[in-house]
Protein backbone atom coordinates (compact mmCIF):
# COMPACT_ATOMS: atom_id res chain seq x y z
CA UNK A 1 57.78 -8.89 14.98
CA UNK A 2 55.42 -7.22 17.44
CA UNK A 3 54.30 -8.95 20.63
CA UNK A 4 50.86 -8.64 22.15
CA UNK A 5 49.24 -9.83 25.33
CA UNK A 6 45.91 -9.66 27.08
CA UNK A 7 47.31 -6.69 29.00
CA UNK A 8 47.99 -4.62 25.87
CA UNK A 9 44.65 -2.86 25.27
CA UNK A 10 45.90 -0.71 22.39
CA UNK A 11 47.14 -3.62 20.29
CA UNK A 12 44.06 -5.61 21.27
CA UNK A 13 41.83 -2.81 19.94
CA UNK A 14 43.87 -2.57 16.73
CA UNK A 15 43.58 -6.31 16.09
CA UNK A 16 39.88 -6.30 16.96
CA UNK A 17 39.24 -3.55 14.43
CA UNK A 18 41.42 -5.28 11.85
CA UNK A 19 39.47 -8.55 12.02
CA UNK A 20 36.15 -6.69 11.91
CA UNK A 21 37.36 -4.70 8.89
CA UNK A 22 38.28 -7.90 7.04
CA UNK A 23 34.74 -9.31 7.21
CA UNK A 24 33.28 -5.99 6.05
CA UNK A 25 35.71 -5.95 3.11
CA UNK A 26 34.63 -9.51 2.36
CA UNK A 27 31.03 -8.32 2.24
CA UNK A 28 31.93 -5.64 -0.31
CA UNK A 29 33.78 -8.23 -2.38
CA UNK A 30 30.66 -10.39 -2.64
CA UNK A 31 28.63 -7.37 -3.72
CA UNK A 32 31.15 -6.45 -6.41
CA UNK A 33 31.62 -9.94 -7.85
CA UNK A 34 28.27 -11.74 -7.53
CA UNK A 35 26.21 -12.45 -10.65
CA UNK A 36 22.61 -12.87 -9.49
CA UNK A 37 20.39 -9.95 -8.41
CA UNK A 38 19.36 -11.71 -5.19
CA UNK A 39 22.99 -11.64 -4.01
CA UNK A 40 24.39 -8.59 -5.80
CA UNK A 41 21.44 -6.22 -5.35
CA UNK A 42 19.13 -7.64 -2.68
CA UNK A 43 22.24 -8.46 -0.57
CA UNK A 44 21.05 -11.85 0.67
CA UNK A 45 24.45 -13.09 1.82
CA UNK A 46 26.76 -13.05 4.82
CA UNK A 47 30.48 -13.10 5.57
CA UNK A 48 32.32 -14.08 8.70
CA UNK A 49 35.70 -15.19 10.01
CA UNK A 50 36.20 -18.15 12.37
CA UNK A 51 39.17 -19.47 14.30
CA UNK A 52 40.57 -22.97 13.70
CA UNK A 53 38.00 -24.44 16.10
CA UNK A 54 35.13 -22.91 14.14
CA UNK A 55 34.29 -20.19 16.63
CA UNK A 56 33.02 -16.94 15.09
CA UNK A 57 35.48 -14.04 15.50
CA UNK A 58 33.63 -11.31 13.62
CA UNK A 59 30.56 -10.89 11.43
CA UNK A 60 29.98 -8.41 8.65
CA UNK A 61 26.95 -6.14 8.68
CA UNK A 62 25.09 -8.45 6.35
CA UNK A 63 22.17 -10.88 6.93
CA UNK A 64 22.38 -11.29 10.68
CA UNK A 65 20.01 -14.27 10.72
CA UNK A 66 22.58 -16.38 8.84
CA UNK A 67 25.51 -16.13 11.14
CA UNK A 68 24.31 -17.62 14.39
CA UNK A 69 23.93 -20.89 12.48
CA UNK A 70 27.64 -20.98 11.64
CA UNK A 71 28.72 -22.78 14.87
CA UNK A 72 26.45 -25.75 14.11
CA UNK A 73 27.61 -25.73 10.49
CA UNK A 74 31.24 -25.72 11.64
CA UNK A 75 30.52 -28.70 13.90
CA UNK A 76 29.29 -30.64 10.86
CA UNK A 77 32.34 -29.63 8.82
CA UNK A 78 34.85 -30.53 11.52
CA UNK A 79 33.11 -33.85 12.17
CA UNK A 80 33.52 -34.73 8.48
CA UNK A 81 36.92 -33.18 7.70
CA UNK A 82 38.52 -32.35 11.04
CA UNK A 83 41.59 -34.49 10.34
CA UNK A 84 41.67 -33.87 6.59
CA UNK A 85 41.97 -30.12 6.06
CA UNK A 86 44.84 -28.73 3.99
CA UNK A 87 45.96 -25.47 2.37
CA UNK A 88 43.92 -24.89 -0.77
CA UNK A 89 40.84 -26.78 0.45
CA UNK A 90 37.37 -25.26 0.05
CA UNK A 91 34.32 -26.95 1.58
CA UNK A 92 30.68 -26.29 0.66
CA UNK A 93 27.34 -27.63 1.84
CA UNK A 94 23.71 -26.62 2.28
CA UNK A 95 22.02 -29.52 4.15
CA UNK A 96 19.67 -28.02 6.77
CA UNK A 97 19.84 -31.25 8.75
CA UNK A 98 23.62 -31.03 9.04
CA UNK A 99 24.03 -27.48 10.28
CA UNK A 100 22.61 -25.60 7.28
CA UNK A 101 19.46 -23.49 7.04
CA UNK A 102 17.62 -24.10 3.76
CA UNK A 103 18.89 -25.40 0.44
CA UNK A 104 19.36 -22.06 -1.42
CA UNK A 105 21.80 -20.93 1.31
CA UNK A 106 25.11 -22.51 0.32
CA UNK A 107 27.86 -22.28 2.95
CA UNK A 108 31.45 -22.01 1.79
CA UNK A 109 34.44 -22.47 4.13
CA UNK A 110 38.10 -21.96 3.29
CA UNK A 111 40.56 -23.14 5.97
CA UNK A 112 43.39 -20.66 6.47
CA UNK A 113 46.91 -21.92 7.13
CA UNK A 114 49.97 -20.02 8.31
CA UNK A 115 52.73 -22.35 7.31
CA UNK A 116 51.67 -25.79 8.54
CA UNK A 117 49.36 -24.42 11.23
CA UNK A 118 45.68 -23.84 10.61
CA UNK A 119 44.66 -20.51 12.17
CA UNK A 120 41.09 -20.02 10.99
CA UNK A 121 38.36 -20.19 8.36
CA UNK A 122 37.10 -17.67 5.85
CA UNK A 123 33.31 -18.13 5.54
CA UNK A 124 30.74 -16.89 3.02
CA UNK A 125 27.03 -17.78 2.85
CA UNK A 126 24.99 -16.82 -0.22
CA UNK A 127 21.31 -17.32 -1.03
CA UNK A 128 21.47 -18.74 -4.54
CA UNK A 129 18.76 -17.86 -7.03
CA UNK A 130 17.91 -21.52 -7.70
CA UNK A 131 19.10 -24.92 -6.50
CA UNK A 132 16.63 -27.03 -8.47
CA UNK A 133 13.59 -28.75 -7.02
CA UNK A 134 9.94 -28.61 -7.99
CA UNK A 135 9.58 -24.85 -8.40
CA UNK A 136 11.76 -22.02 -9.74
CA UNK A 137 13.74 -20.37 -6.94
CA UNK A 138 13.62 -23.52 -4.74
CA UNK A 139 11.86 -21.58 -1.99
CA UNK A 140 8.18 -22.63 -2.08
CA UNK A 141 6.23 -22.76 1.16
CA UNK A 142 4.00 -25.61 -0.08
CA UNK A 143 6.62 -28.34 -0.45
CA UNK A 144 5.92 -31.28 1.85
CA UNK A 145 9.38 -32.89 2.17
CA UNK A 146 12.91 -31.68 1.69
CA UNK A 147 13.47 -33.92 -1.35
CA UNK A 148 11.16 -31.62 -3.34
CA UNK A 149 13.18 -28.51 -2.49
CA UNK A 150 16.30 -28.94 -4.58
CA UNK A 151 19.86 -30.22 -4.61
CA UNK A 152 20.99 -31.21 -1.10
CA UNK A 153 24.74 -31.09 -0.54
CA UNK A 154 26.53 -32.68 2.43
CA UNK A 155 29.87 -31.17 3.48
CA UNK A 156 32.17 -31.83 0.52
CA UNK A 157 35.35 -30.43 -0.97
CA UNK A 158 34.85 -28.06 -3.86
CA UNK A 159 38.63 -27.68 -3.96
CA UNK A 160 41.03 -30.31 -2.59
CA UNK A 161 44.55 -28.95 -1.92
CA UNK A 162 43.94 -26.33 -4.60
CA UNK A 163 42.55 -28.76 -7.21
CA UNK A 164 39.10 -27.85 -8.48
CA UNK A 165 36.48 -30.62 -8.20
CA UNK A 166 34.93 -30.38 -11.65
CA UNK A 167 32.49 -33.19 -10.90
CA UNK A 168 30.83 -31.18 -8.12
CA UNK A 169 30.60 -28.10 -10.34
CA UNK A 170 29.01 -30.22 -13.07
CA UNK A 171 26.50 -31.81 -10.69
CA UNK A 172 25.45 -28.38 -9.47
CA UNK A 173 25.22 -26.98 -13.00
CA UNK A 174 23.08 -29.89 -14.19
CA UNK A 175 20.57 -29.54 -11.34
CA UNK A 176 19.77 -25.83 -11.31
CA UNK A 177 17.73 -23.71 -13.69
CA UNK A 178 20.25 -20.86 -13.96
CA UNK A 179 23.69 -22.50 -13.93
CA UNK A 180 25.55 -19.41 -15.14
CA UNK A 181 24.25 -17.35 -12.21
CA UNK A 182 24.66 -20.08 -9.62
CA UNK A 183 28.22 -20.97 -10.69
CA UNK A 184 28.97 -17.25 -10.97
CA UNK A 185 27.87 -16.68 -7.38
CA UNK A 186 29.94 -19.66 -6.23
CA UNK A 187 32.94 -18.04 -7.94
CA UNK A 188 32.14 -14.82 -6.05
CA UNK A 189 32.17 -16.79 -2.81
CA UNK A 190 35.53 -18.30 -3.76
CA UNK A 191 37.03 -14.90 -4.52
CA UNK A 192 35.72 -13.56 -1.22
CA UNK A 193 37.09 -16.47 0.82
CA UNK A 194 40.47 -15.98 -0.84
CA UNK A 195 40.42 -12.27 -0.02
CA UNK A 196 39.60 -13.00 3.62
CA UNK A 197 42.43 -15.53 3.76
CA UNK A 198 44.92 -13.06 2.27
CA UNK A 199 44.03 -10.25 4.66
CA UNK A 200 44.08 -12.43 7.78
CA UNK A 201 47.50 -13.79 6.84
CA UNK A 202 48.79 -10.23 6.54
CA UNK A 203 47.85 -9.68 10.19
CA UNK A 204 49.40 -12.96 11.32
CA UNK A 205 52.58 -12.25 9.36
CA UNK A 206 52.90 -8.96 11.22
CA UNK A 207 52.23 -10.22 14.76
CA UNK A 208 53.11 -13.93 14.58
CA UNK A 209 50.84 -16.95 14.98
CA UNK A 210 51.43 -17.49 18.76
CA UNK A 211 50.61 -13.88 19.56
CA UNK A 212 47.61 -13.87 17.23
CA UNK A 213 46.24 -17.07 18.76
CA UNK A 214 46.47 -15.49 22.21
CA UNK A 215 44.49 -12.54 20.88
CA UNK A 216 41.78 -14.84 19.54
CA UNK A 217 41.23 -16.40 22.96
CA UNK A 218 41.19 -12.99 24.60
CA UNK A 219 38.75 -11.66 22.01
CA UNK A 220 36.21 -14.44 22.56
CA UNK A 221 36.55 -14.03 26.33
CA UNK A 222 35.99 -10.30 25.88
CA UNK A 223 32.71 -10.92 24.02
CA UNK A 224 31.55 -13.30 26.74
CA UNK A 225 32.56 -10.94 29.54
CA UNK A 226 30.69 -7.94 28.12
CA UNK A 227 27.60 -10.06 27.49
CA UNK A 228 27.55 -11.53 30.98
CA UNK A 229 28.14 -8.11 32.54
CA UNK A 230 24.99 -6.80 30.85
CA UNK A 231 22.82 -9.81 31.65
CA UNK A 232 23.91 -9.63 35.29
CA UNK A 233 22.16 -6.24 35.50
CA UNK A 234 18.84 -7.65 34.28
CA UNK A 235 16.24 -8.73 36.86
CA UNK A 236 16.27 -12.47 37.49
CA UNK A 237 13.07 -14.25 36.54
CA UNK A 238 11.15 -16.10 33.84
CA UNK A 239 9.65 -14.01 31.03
CA UNK A 240 7.23 -15.51 28.51
CA UNK A 241 5.83 -14.38 25.17
CA UNK A 242 3.85 -16.05 22.38
CA UNK A 243 3.59 -14.92 18.78
CA UNK A 244 1.89 -16.58 15.83
CA UNK A 245 2.31 -17.47 12.16
CA UNK A 246 -0.82 -17.36 9.98
CA UNK A 247 -0.82 -21.00 8.92
CA UNK A 248 1.56 -22.99 6.70
CA UNK A 249 -0.27 -22.66 3.37
CA UNK A 250 -2.15 -25.93 3.80
CA UNK A 251 -3.90 -25.18 7.07
CA UNK A 252 -4.80 -21.64 8.11
CA UNK A 253 -4.89 -22.53 11.81
CA UNK A 254 -2.51 -20.24 13.72
CA UNK A 255 0.91 -21.68 14.50
CA UNK A 256 2.29 -20.64 17.86
CA UNK A 257 5.86 -19.79 18.76
CA UNK A 258 6.11 -19.77 22.52
CA UNK A 259 9.29 -18.68 24.25
CA UNK A 260 10.32 -18.45 27.88
CA UNK A 261 13.51 -16.56 28.75
CA UNK A 262 14.94 -17.28 32.16
CA UNK A 263 17.43 -14.78 33.53
CA UNK A 264 19.63 -16.27 36.21
CA UNK A 265 22.66 -14.24 37.25
CA UNK A 266 24.70 -13.62 34.11
CA UNK A 267 23.14 -16.39 32.00
CA UNK A 268 20.06 -16.71 29.77
CA UNK A 269 18.06 -19.82 29.04
CA UNK A 270 15.81 -19.52 25.96
CA UNK A 271 13.24 -22.33 25.89
CA UNK A 272 10.68 -22.86 23.10
CA UNK A 273 8.80 -25.67 24.81
CA UNK A 274 5.07 -25.36 24.05
CA UNK A 275 5.55 -24.17 20.46
CA UNK A 276 3.49 -25.81 17.72
CA UNK A 277 4.39 -29.24 16.33
CA UNK A 278 6.12 -29.40 12.96
CA UNK A 279 3.81 -28.66 10.05
CA UNK A 280 3.14 -30.06 6.59
CA UNK A 281 4.32 -26.95 4.75
CA UNK A 282 7.87 -25.72 4.33
CA UNK A 283 7.98 -23.18 7.16
CA UNK A 284 9.63 -25.61 9.58
CA UNK A 285 12.99 -24.43 10.91
CA UNK A 286 15.95 -26.50 12.00
CA UNK A 287 17.33 -25.81 15.46
CA UNK A 288 20.50 -24.21 14.08
CA UNK A 289 18.42 -21.44 12.52
CA UNK A 290 16.32 -21.02 15.67
CA UNK A 291 19.53 -20.56 17.65
CA UNK A 292 20.66 -17.95 15.14
CA UNK A 293 17.38 -16.02 15.41
CA UNK A 294 17.49 -16.14 19.21
CA UNK A 295 21.10 -14.94 19.38
CA UNK A 296 20.24 -12.11 17.00
CA UNK A 297 17.27 -10.89 19.04
CA UNK A 298 19.30 -10.89 22.25
CA UNK A 299 22.23 -9.19 20.54
CA UNK A 300 19.85 -6.39 19.45
CA UNK A 301 19.32 -5.33 23.09
CA UNK A 302 22.97 -5.57 24.18
CA UNK A 303 25.29 -2.59 24.13
CA UNK A 304 26.73 -1.66 20.75
CA UNK A 305 30.25 -2.27 22.06
CA UNK A 306 29.61 -6.00 22.50
CA UNK A 307 31.46 -7.71 19.63
CA UNK A 308 29.63 -10.08 17.31
CA UNK A 309 31.59 -13.21 18.12
CA UNK A 310 31.00 -16.66 19.59
CA UNK A 311 31.86 -15.44 23.07
CA UNK A 312 28.37 -13.92 23.19
CA UNK A 313 26.78 -17.35 22.69
CA UNK A 314 28.49 -18.81 25.77
CA UNK A 315 26.07 -16.88 27.98
CA UNK A 316 22.96 -18.16 26.17
CA UNK A 317 21.36 -21.62 25.95
CA UNK A 318 18.65 -22.22 23.33
CA UNK A 319 16.42 -25.30 23.20
CA UNK A 320 13.34 -26.51 21.31
CA UNK A 321 11.70 -29.94 21.58
CA UNK A 322 12.34 -32.35 18.71
CA UNK A 323 9.30 -32.71 16.48
CA UNK A 324 8.20 -29.11 16.78
CA UNK A 325 8.12 -26.39 14.16
CA UNK A 326 11.45 -25.20 15.56
CA UNK A 327 13.24 -28.56 15.55
CA UNK A 328 11.50 -30.86 13.05
CA UNK A 329 12.09 -34.51 12.27
CA UNK A 330 13.80 -35.27 8.95
CA UNK A 331 12.66 -35.01 6.12
CA UNK A 332 10.38 -32.10 7.00
CA UNK A 333 10.45 -29.30 4.37
CA UNK A 334 12.24 -26.10 5.43
CA UNK A 335 12.54 -23.95 2.28
CA UNK A 336 10.46 -21.07 3.69
CA UNK A 337 11.99 -21.32 7.16
CA UNK A 338 13.03 -17.65 7.07
CA UNK A 339 9.47 -16.67 7.90
CA UNK A 340 9.64 -18.74 11.10
CA UNK A 341 13.01 -17.23 11.94
CA UNK A 342 11.52 -13.75 11.71
CA UNK A 343 8.74 -14.74 14.06
CA UNK A 344 11.23 -16.29 16.49
CA UNK A 345 12.97 -12.90 16.57
CA UNK A 346 9.64 -11.17 17.25
CA UNK A 347 8.77 -13.63 20.03
CA UNK A 348 12.14 -13.34 21.75
CA UNK A 349 12.01 -9.55 21.53
CA UNK A 350 8.49 -9.65 23.00
CA UNK A 351 9.89 -11.46 26.02
CA UNK A 352 12.89 -9.12 26.21
CA UNK A 353 10.52 -6.11 26.26
CA UNK A 354 9.54 -7.25 29.75
CA UNK A 355 13.20 -7.22 30.82
CA UNK A 356 14.70 -4.15 29.09
CA UNK A 357 11.64 -2.26 27.74
CA UNK A 358 13.55 0.84 26.70
CA UNK A 359 15.75 -1.21 24.34
CA UNK A 360 13.05 -3.12 22.45
CA UNK A 361 11.04 -1.80 19.51
CA UNK A 362 7.49 -2.85 18.67
CA UNK A 363 7.16 -5.55 16.01
CA UNK A 364 8.14 -4.69 12.47
CA UNK A 365 6.44 -5.86 9.29
CA UNK A 366 7.02 -9.51 10.17
CA UNK A 367 10.04 -10.12 7.98
CA UNK A 368 10.34 -9.71 4.25
CA UNK A 369 7.63 -10.92 1.90
CA UNK A 370 8.75 -13.03 -1.06
CA UNK A 371 7.26 -12.72 -4.54
CA UNK A 372 8.76 -15.25 -6.92
CA UNK A 373 7.94 -15.53 -10.63
CA UNK A 374 9.63 -18.21 -12.70
CA UNK A 375 9.17 -19.64 -16.18
CA UNK A 376 10.61 -19.84 -19.69
CA UNK A 377 10.78 -17.38 -22.56
CA UNK A 378 8.37 -18.53 -25.26
CA UNK A 379 10.84 -17.93 -28.11
CA UNK A 380 14.29 -18.69 -26.68
CA UNK A 381 13.07 -21.16 -24.01
CA UNK A 382 15.61 -19.63 -21.67
CA UNK A 383 14.52 -19.70 -18.03
CA UNK A 384 13.90 -16.72 -15.79
CA UNK A 385 13.57 -16.73 -11.99
CA UNK A 386 12.71 -13.47 -10.25
CA UNK A 387 12.92 -13.65 -6.45
CA UNK A 388 11.80 -10.33 -4.99
CA UNK A 389 12.22 -10.01 -1.26
CA UNK A 390 10.18 -7.02 -0.12
CA UNK A 391 11.56 -5.36 2.99
CA UNK A 392 9.07 -3.16 4.73
CA UNK A 393 8.98 -1.36 8.06
CA UNK A 394 10.34 -1.13 11.60
CA UNK A 395 8.21 -0.92 14.71
CA UNK A 396 8.19 2.20 16.86
CA UNK A 397 10.83 2.67 19.56
CA UNK A 398 10.75 4.18 23.02
CA UNK A 399 12.00 7.57 21.81
CA UNK A 400 11.48 7.51 18.02
CA UNK A 401 8.95 6.54 15.38
CA UNK A 402 9.50 3.39 13.39
CA UNK A 403 11.30 3.79 10.08
CA UNK A 404 9.26 3.53 6.87
CA UNK A 405 10.09 1.01 4.14
CA UNK A 406 13.37 -0.24 5.53
CA UNK A 407 14.77 -3.69 6.06
CA UNK A 408 13.95 -5.62 9.19
CA UNK A 409 17.12 -5.73 11.37
CA UNK A 410 17.21 -9.52 11.14
CA UNK A 411 17.68 -9.25 7.36
CA UNK A 412 19.75 -6.15 6.63
CA UNK A 413 18.93 -6.51 2.95
CA UNK A 414 17.78 -4.16 0.20
CA UNK A 415 14.69 -3.93 -1.99
CA UNK A 416 15.49 -4.73 -5.61
CA UNK A 417 15.49 -1.56 -7.75
CA UNK A 418 12.52 -1.28 -10.12
CA UNK A 419 14.79 -0.46 -13.07
CA UNK A 420 16.78 -3.65 -12.55
CA UNK A 421 13.66 -5.80 -12.24
CA UNK A 422 12.08 -4.45 -15.41
CA UNK A 423 15.30 -4.72 -17.45
CA UNK A 424 16.07 -8.26 -16.25
CA UNK A 425 12.69 -10.00 -16.02
CA UNK A 426 9.48 -10.08 -18.12
CA UNK A 427 7.51 -7.93 -15.69
CA UNK A 428 6.37 -4.33 -15.33
CA UNK A 429 6.20 -2.66 -11.92
CA UNK A 430 2.99 -0.64 -11.83
CA UNK A 431 3.30 0.63 -8.28
CA UNK A 432 6.05 0.83 -5.67
CA UNK A 433 5.03 3.06 -2.80
CA UNK A 434 4.60 3.54 0.91
CA UNK A 435 1.34 2.06 2.18
CA UNK A 436 -0.67 4.82 3.82
CA UNK A 437 -2.30 4.00 7.19
CA UNK A 438 -0.24 0.82 7.61
CA UNK A 439 1.56 2.15 10.69
CA UNK A 440 0.49 1.19 14.20
CA UNK A 441 -0.64 4.27 16.11
CA UNK A 442 1.16 5.22 19.31
CA UNK A 443 2.97 7.99 21.09
CA UNK A 444 5.61 6.85 18.62
CA UNK A 445 4.02 5.46 15.47
CA UNK A 446 5.23 2.38 13.62
CA UNK A 447 6.89 2.55 10.23
CA UNK A 448 4.90 2.33 7.00
CA UNK A 449 5.01 -0.84 4.93
CA UNK A 450 5.49 -1.11 1.18
CA UNK A 451 3.19 -1.77 -1.78
CA UNK A 452 4.53 -3.56 -4.87
CA UNK A 453 2.37 -4.27 -7.92
CA UNK A 454 3.64 -6.43 -10.79
CA UNK A 455 2.23 -7.14 -14.26
CA UNK A 456 3.49 -10.33 -15.93
CA UNK A 457 4.71 -9.82 -19.52
CA UNK A 458 5.72 -13.44 -20.18
CA UNK A 459 3.24 -15.95 -21.58
CA UNK A 460 3.03 -17.79 -18.27
CA UNK A 461 4.90 -18.33 -15.04
CA UNK A 462 4.77 -20.07 -11.69
CA UNK A 463 4.00 -17.56 -8.96
CA UNK A 464 5.02 -18.14 -5.35
CA UNK A 465 3.96 -15.77 -2.58
CA UNK A 466 5.32 -16.14 0.93
CA UNK A 467 3.98 -13.61 3.36
CA UNK A 468 2.48 -13.42 6.83
CA UNK A 469 0.92 -11.07 9.40
CA UNK A 470 -2.49 -11.53 7.72
CA UNK A 471 -4.38 -12.39 10.88
CA UNK A 472 -1.80 -11.82 13.61
CA UNK A 473 -0.71 -8.27 12.99
CA UNK A 474 2.63 -6.79 14.17
CA UNK A 475 2.27 -6.13 17.88
CA UNK A 476 2.54 -2.75 19.55
CA UNK A 477 4.16 -2.18 22.93
CA UNK A 478 3.04 -0.37 26.08
CA UNK A 479 -0.28 0.84 24.70
CA UNK A 480 0.78 1.17 21.07
CA UNK A 481 -1.53 -0.26 18.41
CA UNK A 482 -0.82 -3.12 16.02
CA UNK A 483 0.41 -2.40 12.51
CA UNK A 484 -1.90 -3.01 9.54
CA UNK A 485 -2.26 -6.56 8.24
CA UNK A 486 -0.57 -7.60 5.00
CA UNK A 487 -2.51 -8.62 1.87
CA UNK A 488 -1.89 -10.49 -1.41
CA UNK A 489 -4.14 -9.68 -4.35
CA UNK A 490 -4.40 -10.99 -7.92
CA UNK A 491 -6.13 -9.60 -10.98
CA UNK A 492 -6.50 -12.25 -13.69
CA UNK A 493 -6.55 -10.83 -17.22
CA UNK A 494 -7.90 -7.45 -16.16
CA UNK A 495 -10.55 -8.72 -13.78
CA UNK A 496 -11.25 -7.32 -10.33
CA UNK A 497 -8.59 -8.00 -7.71
CA UNK A 498 -9.23 -11.11 -5.62
CA UNK A 499 -7.76 -11.60 -2.16
CA UNK A 500 -5.30 -14.52 -1.97
CA UNK A 501 -4.04 -16.44 1.03
CA UNK A 502 -0.82 -15.43 2.71
CA UNK A 503 1.11 -18.34 1.14
CA UNK A 504 0.31 -19.29 -2.45
CA UNK A 505 1.84 -21.26 -5.33
CA UNK A 506 -0.09 -21.10 -8.63
CA UNK A 507 0.24 -20.48 -12.35
CA UNK A 508 -0.24 -16.98 -13.77
CA UNK A 509 -0.46 -15.75 -17.37
CA UNK A 510 0.40 -12.72 -19.48
CA UNK A 511 -1.37 -9.59 -18.25
CA UNK A 512 -2.10 -10.92 -14.77
CA UNK A 513 -1.38 -8.39 -12.01
CA UNK A 514 0.03 -9.37 -8.63
CA UNK A 515 -0.21 -6.88 -5.77
CA UNK A 516 1.35 -7.21 -2.34
CA UNK A 517 0.52 -4.80 0.47
CA UNK A 518 2.94 -5.30 3.32
CA UNK A 519 2.13 -4.97 7.00
CA UNK A 520 3.31 -1.91 8.91
CA UNK A 521 5.20 -1.65 12.19
CA UNK A 522 3.52 -1.61 15.58
CA UNK A 523 3.22 1.53 17.69
CA UNK A 524 4.89 2.29 21.03
CA UNK A 525 3.04 4.02 23.88
CA UNK A 526 -0.44 5.52 24.22
CA UNK A 527 -1.60 7.14 20.94
CA UNK A 528 -3.32 9.92 22.91
CA UNK A 529 0.10 11.14 24.03
CA UNK A 530 1.34 11.76 20.50
CA UNK A 531 1.79 15.49 19.83
CA UNK A 532 -0.97 16.88 17.64
CA UNK A 533 1.62 18.47 15.37
CA UNK A 534 3.18 15.06 14.69
CA UNK A 535 -0.22 13.66 13.72
CA UNK A 536 -0.78 16.60 11.37
CA UNK A 537 2.69 16.23 9.83
CA UNK A 538 2.00 12.55 9.05
CA UNK A 539 -1.31 13.49 7.43
CA UNK A 540 0.24 16.27 5.34
CA UNK A 541 2.98 13.83 4.23
CA UNK A 542 0.33 11.38 3.10
CA UNK A 543 1.46 8.74 5.57
CA UNK A 544 -1.93 8.67 7.29
CA UNK A 545 -5.36 9.77 6.14
CA UNK A 546 -7.66 12.15 8.07
CA UNK A 547 -9.84 9.12 8.78
CA UNK A 548 -6.92 7.31 10.43
CA UNK A 549 -6.09 10.41 12.48
CA UNK A 550 -9.68 10.59 13.68
CA UNK A 551 -10.04 6.89 14.51
CA UNK A 552 -6.74 6.23 16.24
CA UNK A 553 -5.60 9.62 17.53
CA UNK A 554 -8.97 11.36 17.93
CA UNK A 555 -7.62 14.26 15.90
CA UNK A 556 -9.85 16.04 13.35
CA UNK A 557 -8.00 17.38 10.31
CA UNK A 558 -9.77 19.67 7.81
CA UNK A 559 -8.25 21.67 4.95
CA UNK A 560 -4.74 20.77 6.03
CA UNK A 561 -5.20 22.00 9.60
CA UNK A 562 -6.24 20.60 12.96
CA UNK A 563 -9.80 21.56 13.89
CA UNK A 564 -9.12 22.25 17.55
CA UNK A 565 -12.76 22.41 18.67
CA UNK A 566 -13.80 19.24 16.84
CA UNK A 567 -10.71 17.45 18.18
CA UNK A 568 -11.53 18.51 21.76
CA UNK A 569 -15.14 17.39 21.33
CA UNK A 570 -14.05 14.03 19.90
CA UNK A 571 -11.61 13.43 22.74
CA UNK A 572 -14.17 14.44 25.36
CA UNK A 573 -16.65 12.03 23.79
CA UNK A 574 -14.10 9.24 23.98
CA UNK A 575 -13.50 10.01 27.68
CA UNK A 576 -17.23 9.96 28.41
CA UNK A 577 -17.68 6.64 26.62
CA UNK A 578 -14.76 5.13 28.52
């Protein structure tokens, strides 16, 4: 049996890579075994490995916004079952007010034992396609209390010493619209937890539990040390930023997210005091999720070599006053809390841009937009629930343009393929394209957002739209322009498109057409410094129109070429007017 120590860097690196490989293999296992499109194809899930105390050791490259909430979830689990965990146990829960996030995200934990000693937890979080409640998909932004949002599970044993709790499975199956898919995804989580357990035990069998436990302590210390070393190089001070959400669906008054980051030595304090009070609609976010979003934003500007483990969190304190949007009183609704998490990421990055400007990109599309259509087949009466999460665009960076039509880094998900949507649900996709002119102009332009247009083929359905960046567009940095605003449109039975609010729940009928135009990413740097050739290339690619080039870059394009004289005249005119 091999021996390791903190002074053995080679073995330390091997074990570090081994643990990180396990969680990535777990992620692939979910993808291969899940039943529902939202997990299998959209990739709305996460995998991680924790030690016996619930501290994160490694995170897969999945939905980053999930995993910073795991420490609070582990606290709830250990409080309930800390003295009653055994080989073969599996614990699940989804209660946002006990460490969870929102009800569709079901946490699953499998304690891992080496002999009689518990050495860790295998953890999988999946966004389930439905957990009951008043609307299909259980994710409406217009619920007004958590009791409307679906089945709420406290920490409970799905398996007890290897014995399956059939009562829990039956309760879940009776309370969701798509029991085959939900139970199928739970089975995928079980298979993944078992795979993580098997692979971790292989490592412990090779090196021994005492040596492996020493490695775990060293690994967490390593994450903390690298984090503190970076923060120590940042200028001390207090850095503030405020971003906004375009109302909660009941009230269109802007909702502020105000953050102040204080850098003191090698420690960060992230304070959300001054943010808006909790709201009527379901965009409230529990503090566990706010912590997760804050950790993610900070991790984005740290060196790539910093591991994604709980050691990072030791250098960061996050707080939000009770009763605010970011730490609401029970039973505030939280189903659409992801939108608030995205804006927390944007706000924290806005503050970080004042600290490490070269490492922060301009704002992206604002997080994914959700289009949900749910109903029943007229003949078979079988239910359908389509949850389409549209991932759009990245903001521009210090040295590169933003990326078009790609997932926001806080999500790391995928757009659902058109072929899958049309073969699975009673809809037709009439357009799926880049949205021209949606980018924010700059020396580096923002990424282009996405257009999706759906025609309903079922007799009727409940439509839910959750979007944002209508009125408060994605910000640019250092002279870069904002990205275009998003829009929701509806054509009823062939009529002219009408503009909808950013957050809508309503009935739709056969032939109705729903169109979502997503916001684009903000620009970085003065647009007048962008090379003329880059402006022309974007126009020739159809990413911007000649009108956009003229308005934002003062570049005149005619017949596929730059009109040098007209461009010079236009720029001289701008200088004179300034």
